[in-house]
Amino acid sequence: MSLVTPFNLLILIVITLFTFGSLSILAGMIILVNRAYSSELKALAAQTSRLVQKGIAEEIAGLVGQASTLLNAINDLIRSTAGLGFTLILVGFVLISTAAFIAYQMLR
């Protein structure tokens, strides 16, 4: 008797989809918690804000312009990192939903 039957193959597919979905959700949550709002980005944003205030106080137009560009880049970085985290979580839910659908169809 062969161990590779269609039923066993479907069970392997369901387990694999569920595992990858769970790992994807976990990775997305880790990215959202650790990287999107990391202390380094917060410190960089705070220093840039101080630089802008100093530039405004001393009327240095070039410094203010470059600092505001840096702040915009930091905001874009935070948004893209958060977007990656949300995308991984969404992909994880799709994979787990697919595994559940296949399992439901097998047992029906």
Protein backbone atom coordinates (compact mmCIF):
# COMPACT_ATOMS: atom_id res chain seq x y z
CA MET A 1 0.00 0.00 0.00
CA SER A 2 1.37 3.40 -0.98
CA LEU A 3 1.76 6.16 1.61
CA VAL A 4 1.14 8.84 -1.01
CA THR A 5 -2.60 8.71 -1.47
CA PRO A 6 -4.68 11.67 -2.66
CA PHE A 7 -6.13 12.05 0.84
CA ASN A 8 -2.67 12.10 2.47
CA LEU A 9 -1.47 14.59 -0.10
CA LEU A 10 -4.40 16.90 0.66
CA ILE A 11 -3.69 16.62 4.38
CA LEU A 12 -0.06 17.58 3.70
CA ILE A 13 -1.21 20.56 1.65
CA VAL A 14 -3.60 21.71 4.40
CA ILE A 15 -0.90 21.40 7.08
CA THR A 16 1.61 23.25 4.90
CA LEU A 17 -0.82 26.08 4.09
CA PHE A 18 -1.79 26.44 7.74
CA THR A 19 1.87 26.47 8.86
CA PHE A 20 2.92 29.06 6.27
CA GLY A 21 -0.15 31.16 7.08
CA SER A 22 0.65 31.11 10.78
CA LEU A 23 4.28 32.01 10.13
CA SER A 24 3.22 34.84 7.83
CA ILE A 25 0.88 36.29 10.46
CA LEU A 26 3.59 36.00 13.10
CA ALA A 27 6.16 37.70 10.85
CA GLY A 28 3.71 40.50 10.05
CA MET A 29 3.03 41.10 13.73
CA ILE A 30 6.74 41.12 14.55
CA ILE A 31 7.37 43.66 11.78
CA LEU A 32 4.54 45.87 13.00
CA VAL A 33 5.65 45.77 16.62
CA ASN A 34 9.42 45.96 16.23
CA ARG A 35 10.27 47.73 13.01
CA ALA A 36 7.45 50.13 12.18
CA TYR A 37 7.74 52.05 15.42
CA SER A 38 11.30 51.33 16.45
CA SER A 39 13.12 53.58 18.87
CA GLU A 40 15.73 54.47 16.25
CA LEU A 41 13.10 55.92 13.93
CA LYS A 42 11.49 57.81 16.80
CA ALA A 43 14.85 59.26 17.84
CA LEU A 44 15.67 60.22 14.25
CA ALA A 45 12.31 61.94 13.86
CA ALA A 46 12.79 63.82 17.15
CA GLN A 47 16.28 64.98 16.16
CA THR A 48 15.03 66.10 12.76
CA SER A 49 12.21 68.07 14.38
CA ARG A 50 14.72 69.82 16.61
CA LEU A 51 16.86 70.55 13.57
CA VAL A 52 13.88 72.11 11.80
CA GLN A 53 13.09 74.27 14.84
CA LYS A 54 16.70 75.42 15.06
CA GLY A 55 16.73 76.17 11.33
CA ILE A 56 13.55 78.22 11.62
CA ALA A 57 14.90 80.10 14.63
CA GLU A 58 18.14 80.95 12.81
CA GLU A 59 16.38 81.46 9.46
CA ILE A 60 18.38 78.88 7.56
CA ALA A 61 16.14 78.01 4.63
CA GLY A 62 18.24 75.21 3.14
CA LEU A 63 18.52 73.38 6.45
CA VAL A 64 14.76 73.54 7.02
CA GLY A 65 14.07 72.25 3.51
CA GLN A 66 16.42 69.31 3.85
CA ALA A 67 15.15 68.46 7.32
CA SER A 68 11.55 68.47 6.13
CA THR A 69 12.56 66.17 3.27
CA LEU A 70 14.15 63.85 5.84
CA LEU A 71 10.96 63.88 7.92
CA ASN A 72 8.92 62.97 4.85
CA ALA A 73 11.31 60.12 4.08
CA ILE A 74 10.99 58.83 7.66
CA ASN A 75 7.19 58.94 7.41
CA ASP A 76 7.29 57.05 4.10
CA LEU A 77 9.59 54.44 5.64
CA ILE A 78 7.24 53.92 8.57
CA ARG A 79 4.25 53.64 6.25
CA SER A 80 5.97 51.14 3.95
CA THR A 81 7.14 49.00 6.87
CA ALA A 82 3.64 49.04 8.35
CA GLY A 83 2.25 48.20 4.91
CA LEU A 84 4.57 45.21 4.66
CA GLY A 85 3.44 44.00 8.07
CA PHE A 86 -0.24 44.34 7.18
CA THR A 87 0.35 42.59 3.84
CA LEU A 88 2.03 39.65 5.56
CA ILE A 89 -0.87 39.39 8.01
CA LEU A 90 -3.38 39.50 5.15
CA VAL A 91 -1.49 36.81 3.20
CA GLY A 92 -1.41 34.68 6.35
CA PHE A 93 -5.17 34.93 6.78
CA VAL A 94 -5.70 34.02 3.12
CA LEU A 95 -3.45 30.96 3.46
CA ILE A 96 -5.21 29.81 6.63
CA SER A 97 -8.62 30.40 5.04
CA THR A 98 -7.56 28.35 2.02
CA ALA A 99 -6.37 25.54 4.31
CA ALA A 100 -9.69 25.62 6.17
CA PHE A 101 -11.64 25.56 2.91
CA ILE A 102 -9.70 22.56 1.63
CA ALA A 103 -10.11 20.76 4.95
CA TYR A 104 -13.84 21.47 4.93
CA GLN A 105 -14.16 20.13 1.38
CA MET A 106 -12.25 16.97 2.35
CA LEU A 107 -14.53 16.22 5.28
CA ARG A 108 -17.75 16.91 3.42
